[in-house]
Structures are given as C-alpha cells and as structure tokens.
Amino acid sequence: MINQENTTLMISAYEQKWVDGLNSGNISMADEVFQPNCVIYINDNPQLDLSLDNLRQMIAGLLGSFPDLHFTIDDQFATGEKVSIRWTAKGTYTGPFAEIPATGIAVEIEGLIIDHAINGRVAKR
C-alpha cells in the first residue's frame, strides 16, 4: 500500500521560481534563483563551466529555438544543501539552434540536475 503522505511532490521554492520563469520566457528570474558567482556545469557543452551570464545566453538561444518549451519537475530530493531534480522539457523546434536549422519537430528532453543551494539560491549546478 502506498503511503499517501509521501506521494505529493514537494518542489523547492527556488526551483519552482526558475521553472515558472522558463515556462513564461522570463530568464531574468535567474538573478533571483542563482547566486551571482554560481558555477554551472553542463555536459556536452563546449564551455564546461558556465557563469550566470553564459547560462542566460544559452537559455535565451534555447527558448528562441523552442518558443513553446515547457519544463516540468518530475522528482526532487534534498538533503542538507544538496538538491537533485529530475525534469522533463517538451517543445517544438521552430527556430535555428547553433548551426542546426529548425525542423518543426516536437521534442521531449529529460534531465537530472544536482544543485548545491545556499540560503535558497543555487551556488553550483
């Protein structure tokens, strides 16, 4: 039997704010969610350690290519200052991304993030 008390997904305030910002195209929300000097690690990115400015530029390009991109949080677990987030994003590829032309194809992307959050803001992602 499933314990109903444990079936509600609790999302941290900072992550909910970030997802709401992404889903509305408001990347300025990054200033409220991330520490000013945070470091962001992204696999398969030419620049391994991104600054907050680099992240904003990357997200702006992504939202330009997938204007209907919508993020959902599937799972979130936290212990101390560490927060892990499993997410899904769905959108339609209608604008060029990097050097790849738009295809009009709907995509679904899944990912996992591990944050180091201090005082309710991301210090490392």
N, C-alpha and C. Protein backbone atom coordinates (compact mmCIF):
# COMPACT_ATOMS: atom_id res chain seq x y z
N MET A 1 0.84 -1.17 0.00
CA MET A 1 0.00 0.00 0.00
C MET A 1 0.89 1.24 0.00
N ILE A 2 0.54 2.22 -0.81
CA ILE A 2 1.30 3.46 -0.91
C ILE A 2 0.88 4.41 0.19
N ASN A 3 1.84 4.97 0.88
CA ASN A 3 1.57 5.97 1.91
C ASN A 3 1.23 7.29 1.22
N GLN A 4 -0.04 7.70 1.27
CA GLN A 4 -0.49 8.91 0.59
C GLN A 4 0.27 10.15 1.07
N GLU A 5 0.77 10.13 2.27
CA GLU A 5 1.51 11.26 2.81
C GLU A 5 2.80 11.52 2.03
N ASN A 6 3.34 10.49 1.41
CA ASN A 6 4.60 10.60 0.68
C ASN A 6 4.43 10.75 -0.83
N THR A 7 3.21 10.91 -1.32
CA THR A 7 3.01 10.93 -2.77
C THR A 7 2.96 12.33 -3.36
N THR A 8 2.96 13.38 -2.54
CA THR A 8 2.94 14.75 -3.05
C THR A 8 4.36 15.19 -3.35
N LEU A 9 4.57 15.70 -4.55
CA LEU A 9 5.89 16.17 -4.95
C LEU A 9 6.10 17.56 -4.37
N MET A 10 7.10 17.71 -3.55
CA MET A 10 7.45 19.00 -2.97
C MET A 10 8.62 19.57 -3.77
N ILE A 11 8.41 20.73 -4.34
CA ILE A 11 9.44 21.38 -5.16
C ILE A 11 9.97 22.58 -4.38
N SER A 12 11.29 22.71 -4.33
CA SER A 12 11.88 23.84 -3.60
C SER A 12 11.41 25.15 -4.22
N ALA A 13 11.32 26.16 -3.38
CA ALA A 13 10.83 27.47 -3.83
C ALA A 13 11.69 28.02 -4.96
N TYR A 14 13.02 27.89 -4.86
CA TYR A 14 13.88 28.44 -5.91
C TYR A 14 13.68 27.72 -7.23
N GLU A 15 13.50 26.41 -7.20
CA GLU A 15 13.34 25.66 -8.46
C GLU A 15 11.98 25.95 -9.09
N GLN A 16 10.94 26.09 -8.27
CA GLN A 16 9.63 26.43 -8.80
C GLN A 16 9.68 27.80 -9.46
N LYS A 17 10.37 28.73 -8.84
CA LYS A 17 10.50 30.09 -9.41
C LYS A 17 11.24 30.03 -10.75
N TRP A 18 12.29 29.21 -10.83
CA TRP A 18 13.07 29.08 -12.07
C TRP A 18 12.23 28.45 -13.18
N VAL A 19 11.53 27.36 -12.87
CA VAL A 19 10.70 26.69 -13.87
C VAL A 19 9.58 27.61 -14.34
N ASP A 20 8.95 28.33 -13.41
CA ASP A 20 7.90 29.28 -13.80
C ASP A 20 8.48 30.35 -14.72
N GLY A 21 9.68 30.83 -14.41
CA GLY A 21 10.34 31.82 -15.27
C GLY A 21 10.64 31.27 -16.65
N LEU A 22 11.19 30.06 -16.71
CA LEU A 22 11.49 29.44 -18.00
C LEU A 22 10.22 29.25 -18.82
N ASN A 23 9.18 28.76 -18.18
CA ASN A 23 7.93 28.48 -18.90
C ASN A 23 7.23 29.74 -19.39
N SER A 24 7.56 30.88 -18.80
CA SER A 24 6.97 32.14 -19.26
C SER A 24 7.95 32.95 -20.10
N GLY A 25 9.16 32.39 -20.32
CA GLY A 25 10.18 33.09 -21.12
C GLY A 25 10.90 34.18 -20.36
N ASN A 26 10.80 34.18 -19.04
CA ASN A 26 11.41 35.22 -18.20
C ASN A 26 12.74 34.72 -17.62
N ILE A 27 13.81 34.85 -18.41
CA ILE A 27 15.11 34.36 -17.93
C ILE A 27 15.74 35.30 -16.92
N SER A 28 15.17 36.49 -16.70
CA SER A 28 15.70 37.38 -15.66
C SER A 28 15.48 36.78 -14.28
N MET A 29 14.61 35.77 -14.19
CA MET A 29 14.39 35.08 -12.93
C MET A 29 15.68 34.43 -12.43
N ALA A 30 16.64 34.23 -13.31
CA ALA A 30 17.93 33.65 -12.93
C ALA A 30 18.60 34.48 -11.83
N ASP A 31 18.39 35.79 -11.84
CA ASP A 31 19.01 36.65 -10.83
C ASP A 31 18.49 36.37 -9.43
N GLU A 32 17.26 35.87 -9.33
CA GLU A 32 16.68 35.55 -8.03
C GLU A 32 16.98 34.12 -7.59
N VAL A 33 17.28 33.25 -8.55
CA VAL A 33 17.44 31.83 -8.27
C VAL A 33 18.89 31.43 -8.05
N PHE A 34 19.81 32.05 -8.79
CA PHE A 34 21.22 31.67 -8.73
C PHE A 34 22.04 32.72 -7.98
N GLN A 35 23.04 32.26 -7.23
CA GLN A 35 24.00 33.16 -6.61
C GLN A 35 24.74 33.90 -7.73
N PRO A 36 25.12 35.16 -7.54
CA PRO A 36 25.78 35.93 -8.61
C PRO A 36 27.05 35.26 -9.15
N ASN A 37 27.78 34.55 -8.30
CA ASN A 37 29.04 33.92 -8.73
C ASN A 37 28.91 32.40 -8.86
N CYS A 38 27.69 31.91 -9.12
CA CYS A 38 27.49 30.47 -9.21
C CYS A 38 28.24 29.90 -10.42
N VAL A 39 28.47 28.60 -10.35
CA VAL A 39 29.12 27.88 -11.45
C VAL A 39 28.13 26.83 -11.92
N ILE A 40 27.95 26.73 -13.23
CA ILE A 40 27.00 25.80 -13.80
C ILE A 40 27.77 24.85 -14.71
N TYR A 41 27.63 23.55 -14.46
CA TYR A 41 28.30 22.52 -15.25
C TYR A 41 27.28 21.90 -16.19
N ILE A 42 27.58 21.90 -17.48
CA ILE A 42 26.67 21.31 -18.46
C ILE A 42 27.43 20.30 -19.31
N ASN A 43 26.94 19.05 -19.32
CA ASN A 43 27.57 18.01 -20.14
C ASN A 43 27.45 18.35 -21.62
N ASP A 44 28.44 17.96 -22.38
CA ASP A 44 28.46 18.13 -23.84
C ASP A 44 28.38 19.59 -24.27
N ASN A 45 28.76 20.49 -23.42
CA ASN A 45 28.80 21.91 -23.77
C ASN A 45 30.25 22.27 -24.07
N PRO A 46 30.52 23.06 -25.10
CA PRO A 46 31.91 23.41 -25.42
C PRO A 46 32.62 24.09 -24.26
N GLN A 47 31.87 24.90 -23.49
CA GLN A 47 32.44 25.56 -22.32
C GLN A 47 31.92 24.80 -21.11
N LEU A 48 32.80 24.12 -20.38
CA LEU A 48 32.36 23.23 -19.31
C LEU A 48 31.74 23.96 -18.12
N ASP A 49 32.33 25.04 -17.68
CA ASP A 49 31.83 25.78 -16.52
C ASP A 49 31.22 27.08 -17.00
N LEU A 50 29.91 27.22 -16.84
CA LEU A 50 29.22 28.42 -17.29
C LEU A 50 29.02 29.40 -16.14
N SER A 51 29.12 30.67 -16.45
CA SER A 51 28.76 31.70 -15.49
C SER A 51 27.26 31.94 -15.62
N LEU A 52 26.73 32.76 -14.75
CA LEU A 52 25.32 33.09 -14.82
C LEU A 52 24.98 33.80 -16.14
N ASP A 53 25.87 34.69 -16.59
CA ASP A 53 25.66 35.35 -17.88
C ASP A 53 25.66 34.35 -19.03
N ASN A 54 26.60 33.38 -19.00
CA ASN A 54 26.62 32.33 -20.03
C ASN A 54 25.34 31.52 -20.03
N LEU A 55 24.84 31.21 -18.84
CA LEU A 55 23.59 30.44 -18.74
C LEU A 55 22.44 31.22 -19.34
N ARG A 56 22.33 32.50 -19.01
CA ARG A 56 21.25 33.33 -19.56
C ARG A 56 21.30 33.35 -21.09
N GLN A 57 22.50 33.47 -21.66
CA GLN A 57 22.66 33.48 -23.12
C GLN A 57 22.24 32.14 -23.72
N MET A 58 22.65 31.05 -23.09
CA MET A 58 22.31 29.73 -23.58
C MET A 58 20.80 29.50 -23.53
N ILE A 59 20.18 29.87 -22.42
CA ILE A 59 18.73 29.68 -22.27
C ILE A 59 17.97 30.56 -23.25
N ALA A 60 18.42 31.79 -23.47
CA ALA A 60 17.77 32.67 -24.45
C ALA A 60 17.80 32.04 -25.84
N GLY A 61 18.93 31.45 -26.22
CA GLY A 61 19.03 30.76 -27.50
C GLY A 61 18.11 29.55 -27.57
N LEU A 62 18.05 28.81 -26.49
CA LEU A 62 17.19 27.62 -26.44
C LEU A 62 15.72 28.02 -26.57
N LEU A 63 15.30 29.05 -25.85
CA LEU A 63 13.91 29.49 -25.92
C LEU A 63 13.58 30.12 -27.27
N GLY A 64 14.57 30.69 -27.94
CA GLY A 64 14.36 31.20 -29.29
C GLY A 64 14.14 30.07 -30.29
N SER A 65 14.80 28.95 -30.06
CA SER A 65 14.67 27.80 -30.95
C SER A 65 13.43 26.96 -30.65
N PHE A 66 13.03 26.95 -29.39
CA PHE A 66 11.87 26.18 -28.92
C PHE A 66 10.95 27.13 -28.16
N PRO A 67 10.24 28.02 -28.84
CA PRO A 67 9.46 29.04 -28.15
C PRO A 67 8.32 28.50 -27.28
N ASP A 68 7.88 27.29 -27.55
CA ASP A 68 6.82 26.69 -26.74
C ASP A 68 7.37 25.72 -25.70
N LEU A 69 8.68 25.79 -25.42
CA LEU A 69 9.31 24.87 -24.49
C LEU A 69 8.65 24.97 -23.11
N HIS A 70 8.32 23.82 -22.56
CA HIS A 70 7.66 23.78 -21.26
C HIS A 70 8.37 22.75 -20.38
N PHE A 71 8.79 23.19 -19.20
CA PHE A 71 9.51 22.35 -18.25
C PHE A 71 8.57 21.87 -17.15
N THR A 72 8.76 20.63 -16.73
CA THR A 72 8.08 20.11 -15.55
C THR A 72 9.12 19.44 -14.66
N ILE A 73 8.87 19.48 -13.38
CA ILE A 73 9.72 18.80 -12.41
C ILE A 73 9.05 17.46 -12.12
N ASP A 74 9.79 16.37 -12.36
CA ASP A 74 9.26 15.03 -12.16
C ASP A 74 9.54 14.51 -10.76
N ASP A 75 10.73 14.78 -10.25
CA ASP A 75 11.14 14.36 -8.91
C ASP A 75 12.11 15.37 -8.34
N GLN A 76 12.12 15.49 -7.03
CA GLN A 76 13.11 16.33 -6.38
C GLN A 76 13.40 15.73 -5.00
N PHE A 77 14.68 15.61 -4.70
CA PHE A 77 15.12 15.09 -3.42
C PHE A 77 16.17 16.03 -2.85
N ALA A 78 16.11 16.27 -1.56
CA ALA A 78 17.07 17.18 -0.95
C ALA A 78 17.58 16.60 0.35
N THR A 79 18.84 16.87 0.60
CA THR A 79 19.45 16.56 1.88
C THR A 79 20.47 17.65 2.16
N GLY A 80 20.28 18.36 3.23
CA GLY A 80 21.17 19.47 3.54
C GLY A 80 21.12 20.52 2.43
N GLU A 81 22.29 20.88 1.91
CA GLU A 81 22.38 21.89 0.85
C GLU A 81 22.37 21.29 -0.55
N LYS A 82 22.24 19.98 -0.66
CA LYS A 82 22.21 19.30 -1.96
C LYS A 82 20.78 19.00 -2.37
N VAL A 83 20.47 19.34 -3.61
CA VAL A 83 19.12 19.12 -4.15
C VAL A 83 19.26 18.46 -5.51
N SER A 84 18.60 17.32 -5.70
CA SER A 84 18.60 16.68 -7.02
C SER A 84 17.21 16.84 -7.63
N ILE A 85 17.20 17.13 -8.93
CA ILE A 85 15.97 17.44 -9.64
C ILE A 85 15.95 16.64 -10.94
N ARG A 86 14.90 15.84 -11.13
CA ARG A 86 14.69 15.16 -12.41
C ARG A 86 13.59 15.91 -13.13
N TRP A 87 13.86 16.31 -14.38
CA TRP A 87 12.95 17.18 -15.11
C TRP A 87 12.69 16.66 -16.51
N THR A 88 11.61 17.19 -17.10
CA THR A 88 11.27 16.91 -18.49
C THR A 88 10.93 18.24 -19.16
N ALA A 89 11.38 18.41 -20.39
CA ALA A 89 11.03 19.59 -21.18
C ALA A 89 10.47 19.10 -22.52
N LYS A 90 9.39 19.76 -22.94
CA LYS A 90 8.76 19.43 -24.23
C LYS A 90 8.60 20.72 -25.03
N GLY A 91 8.88 20.65 -26.31
CA GLY A 91 8.72 21.82 -27.16
C GLY A 91 8.88 21.47 -28.63
N THR A 92 8.65 22.46 -29.48
CA THR A 92 8.73 22.29 -30.92
C THR A 92 9.91 23.09 -31.46
N TYR A 93 10.72 22.44 -32.26
CA TYR A 93 11.95 23.04 -32.78
C TYR A 93 11.62 23.91 -34.00
N THR A 94 11.30 25.20 -33.74
CA THR A 94 10.85 26.08 -34.82
C THR A 94 11.86 27.16 -35.20
N GLY A 95 12.96 27.26 -34.48
CA GLY A 95 13.98 28.26 -34.82
C GLY A 95 15.34 27.61 -34.85
N PRO A 96 16.32 28.20 -35.52
CA PRO A 96 17.65 27.59 -35.57
C PRO A 96 18.29 27.53 -34.19
N PHE A 97 19.05 26.49 -33.94
CA PHE A 97 19.79 26.34 -32.69
C PHE A 97 21.23 26.03 -33.05
N ALA A 98 22.14 26.91 -32.61
CA ALA A 98 23.54 26.82 -33.03
C ALA A 98 23.56 26.89 -34.56
N GLU A 99 24.11 25.88 -35.20
CA GLU A 99 24.16 25.88 -36.67
C GLU A 99 23.17 24.88 -37.27
N ILE A 100 22.23 24.42 -36.46
CA ILE A 100 21.28 23.41 -36.93
C ILE A 100 19.96 24.12 -37.29
N PRO A 101 19.49 23.96 -38.52
CA PRO A 101 18.24 24.62 -38.93
C PRO A 101 17.03 24.01 -38.23
N ALA A 102 15.97 24.81 -38.09
CA ALA A 102 14.73 24.35 -37.48
C ALA A 102 14.12 23.21 -38.29
N THR A 103 13.45 22.30 -37.58
CA THR A 103 12.82 21.16 -38.24
C THR A 103 11.31 21.11 -38.08
N GLY A 104 10.78 21.84 -37.11
CA GLY A 104 9.35 21.79 -36.82
C GLY A 104 8.95 20.54 -36.04
N ILE A 105 9.92 19.76 -35.60
CA ILE A 105 9.65 18.52 -34.89
C ILE A 105 9.46 18.78 -33.40
N ALA A 106 8.46 18.13 -32.81
CA ALA A 106 8.24 18.19 -31.37
C ALA A 106 9.27 17.29 -30.69
N VAL A 107 9.85 17.78 -29.61
CA VAL A 107 10.87 17.02 -28.89
C VAL A 107 10.49 16.92 -27.42
N GLU A 108 11.03 15.90 -26.79
CA GLU A 108 10.92 15.73 -25.34
C GLU A 108 12.32 15.40 -24.83
N ILE A 109 12.76 16.16 -23.85
CA ILE A 109 14.10 16.02 -23.29
C ILE A 109 13.95 15.77 -21.80
N GLU A 110 14.72 14.81 -21.29
CA GLU A 110 14.73 14.56 -19.86
C GLU A 110 16.12 14.84 -19.32
N GLY A 111 16.19 15.29 -18.08
CA GLY A 111 17.48 15.57 -17.48
C GLY A 111 17.47 15.43 -15.98
N LEU A 112 18.66 15.48 -15.43
CA LEU A 112 18.87 15.40 -13.99
C LEU A 112 19.85 16.49 -13.59
N ILE A 113 19.50 17.22 -12.57
CA ILE A 113 20.33 18.31 -12.07
C ILE A 113 20.66 18.02 -10.62
N ILE A 114 21.86 18.33 -10.21
CA ILE A 114 22.22 18.30 -8.79
C ILE A 114 22.71 19.69 -8.44
N ASP A 115 21.99 20.33 -7.52
CA ASP A 115 22.33 21.68 -7.09
C ASP A 115 22.98 21.67 -5.72
N HIS A 116 23.83 22.65 -5.52
CA HIS A 116 24.32 23.00 -4.20
C HIS A 116 23.67 24.34 -3.91
N ALA A 117 22.65 24.34 -3.06
CA ALA A 117 21.88 25.56 -2.77
C ALA A 117 22.25 26.09 -1.40
N ILE A 118 22.52 27.38 -1.36
CA ILE A 118 22.85 28.05 -0.11
C ILE A 118 21.88 29.23 0.07
N ASN A 119 21.23 29.24 1.23
CA ASN A 119 20.26 30.30 1.53
C ASN A 119 19.20 30.44 0.43
N GLY A 120 18.73 29.31 -0.09
CA GLY A 120 17.65 29.32 -1.06
C GLY A 120 18.03 29.74 -2.46
N ARG A 121 19.35 29.79 -2.76
CA ARG A 121 19.80 30.13 -4.11
C ARG A 121 20.90 29.17 -4.54
N VAL A 122 20.98 28.90 -5.84
CA VAL A 122 21.94 27.93 -6.37
C VAL A 122 23.34 28.53 -6.38
N ALA A 123 24.27 27.81 -5.75
CA ALA A 123 25.68 28.20 -5.78
C ALA A 123 26.43 27.40 -6.84
N LYS A 124 26.03 26.14 -7.04
CA LYS A 124 26.60 25.27 -8.08
C LYS A 124 25.47 24.43 -8.64
N ARG A 125 25.52 24.26 -9.96
CA ARG A 125 24.52 23.41 -10.63
C ARG A 125 25.26 22.52 -11.60
